[in-house]
Protein backbone atom coordinates (compact mmCIF):
# COMPACT_ATOMS: atom_id res chain seq x y z
CA UNK A 1 -29.85 -45.73 23.67
CA UNK A 2 -26.40 -46.89 24.74
CA UNK A 3 -23.21 -45.42 23.38
CA UNK A 4 -20.96 -47.78 21.40
CA UNK A 5 -17.90 -49.08 23.21
CA UNK A 6 -14.60 -47.58 21.98
CA UNK A 7 -12.46 -50.05 20.06
CA UNK A 8 -9.05 -50.82 21.42
CA UNK A 9 -6.20 -51.10 18.97
CA UNK A 10 -3.35 -53.38 19.77
CA UNK A 11 0.14 -52.29 18.85
CA UNK A 12 2.74 -54.97 18.30
CA UNK A 13 6.01 -54.92 20.22
CA UNK A 14 8.06 -53.85 17.19
CA UNK A 15 5.85 -50.78 16.65
CA UNK A 16 6.56 -49.36 20.08
CA UNK A 17 8.97 -46.45 20.18
CA UNK A 18 11.48 -46.39 23.02
CA UNK A 19 11.32 -43.28 25.20
CA UNK A 20 14.65 -41.52 25.48
CA UNK A 21 14.91 -38.88 28.18
CA UNK A 22 17.29 -36.02 27.51
CA UNK A 23 18.41 -33.39 29.96
CA UNK A 24 17.76 -29.77 29.06
CA UNK A 25 20.83 -27.61 28.59
CA UNK A 26 22.95 -30.53 27.39
CA UNK A 27 24.74 -29.25 24.29
CA UNK A 28 27.45 -30.98 22.29
CA UNK A 29 30.80 -29.12 22.23
CA UNK A 30 30.77 -28.65 18.44
CA UNK A 31 27.34 -27.02 18.62
CA UNK A 32 28.11 -24.89 21.68
CA UNK A 33 30.46 -22.57 19.76
CA UNK A 34 27.83 -22.00 17.06
CA UNK A 35 25.10 -21.20 19.59
CA UNK A 36 27.34 -18.69 21.33
CA UNK A 37 28.06 -16.97 18.02
CA UNK A 38 24.35 -16.70 17.19
CA UNK A 39 23.46 -15.29 20.59
CA UNK A 40 26.17 -12.64 20.42
CA UNK A 41 25.87 -11.91 16.70
CA UNK A 42 25.28 -8.35 15.55
CA UNK A 43 22.16 -7.31 13.70
CA UNK A 44 21.97 -8.66 10.16
CA UNK A 45 21.63 -6.18 7.32
CA UNK A 46 21.09 -7.05 3.69
CA UNK A 47 23.23 -5.25 1.08
CA UNK A 48 20.32 -5.31 -1.36
CA UNK A 49 16.70 -6.48 -1.16
CA UNK A 50 15.86 -10.10 -2.01
CA UNK A 51 13.70 -10.38 -5.14
CA UNK A 52 11.89 -13.22 -6.89
CA UNK A 53 12.08 -14.16 -10.60
CA UNK A 54 9.70 -11.37 -11.63
CA UNK A 55 11.71 -8.70 -9.80
CA UNK A 56 9.19 -8.19 -7.00
CA UNK A 57 10.81 -7.49 -3.63
CA UNK A 58 10.32 -10.36 -1.18
CA UNK A 59 12.56 -9.33 1.71
CA UNK A 60 13.72 -5.78 2.17
CA UNK A 61 16.44 -4.66 4.54
CA UNK A 62 14.53 -3.87 7.68
CA UNK A 63 16.72 -1.47 9.61
CA UNK A 64 15.13 -0.15 12.77
CA UNK A 65 14.16 3.45 12.29
CA UNK A 66 14.25 5.97 15.07
CA UNK A 67 10.70 7.18 15.38
CA UNK A 68 9.54 10.09 17.48
CA UNK A 69 5.88 9.93 18.48
CA UNK A 70 4.23 13.32 18.93
CA UNK A 71 1.48 13.07 21.53
CA UNK A 72 -1.75 15.05 20.94
CA UNK A 73 -1.53 16.69 24.40
CA UNK A 74 0.99 18.87 26.15
CA UNK A 75 2.52 17.55 29.35
CA UNK A 76 0.36 19.85 31.49
CA UNK A 77 -2.85 18.89 29.64
CA UNK A 78 -2.05 15.22 30.12
CA UNK A 79 -1.52 15.53 33.87
CA UNK A 80 -4.73 17.55 34.23
CA UNK A 81 -6.62 15.09 32.00
CA UNK A 82 -5.73 12.17 34.26
CA UNK A 83 -7.67 13.86 37.10
CA UNK A 84 -10.94 14.22 35.16
CA UNK A 85 -13.83 11.80 35.58
CA UNK A 86 -13.76 8.54 33.66
CA UNK A 87 -16.76 9.64 31.56
CA UNK A 88 -14.86 12.62 30.07
CA UNK A 89 -13.13 12.18 26.74
CA UNK A 90 -10.05 14.14 27.85
CA UNK A 91 -9.45 11.45 30.49
CA UNK A 92 -9.48 8.73 27.84
CA UNK A 93 -7.12 10.72 25.62
CA UNK A 94 -4.75 11.23 28.54
CA UNK A 95 -4.89 7.52 29.42
CA UNK A 96 -4.14 6.63 25.79
CA UNK A 97 -1.17 9.03 25.78
CA UNK A 98 0.08 7.48 29.01
CA UNK A 99 -0.10 4.03 27.41
CA UNK A 100 1.92 5.27 24.41
CA UNK A 101 4.53 6.67 26.78
CA UNK A 102 4.87 3.27 28.46
CA UNK A 103 5.15 1.47 25.11
CA UNK A 104 7.54 3.97 23.46
CA UNK A 105 10.04 4.27 26.35
CA UNK A 106 11.31 7.78 25.65
CA UNK A 107 10.62 7.90 21.91
CA UNK A 108 7.87 10.47 22.27
CA UNK A 109 7.50 14.23 22.53
CA UNK A 110 4.59 16.23 23.85
CA UNK A 111 2.57 18.49 21.58
CA UNK A 112 4.09 21.93 21.40
CA UNK A 113 7.45 20.81 22.81
CA UNK A 114 10.52 22.04 20.96
CA UNK A 115 12.64 19.30 19.43
């Protein structure tokens, strides 16, 4: 059984859209000042949360909070745990802690460490 031939559609000359090529990075002078302001603008904070007609909060002021992550291992336990075999659960816990350290970038403390 043969497949049907695809139908070709003809587009008239007036339906064709001209292709306009624009260079990237080309910004009008009146827009350039606005873009600079947005890029260098400080963090936006809302004076009060945005609510809908029923009073339910839609957008709350999301200020970044400084979070300290307490790891479930001490520093010594973590270093020892990284030298265990892959089949041991302590190795997986140490690897997970190491991943948190990489993600948190200094926002963590080891278990038992004094703050």
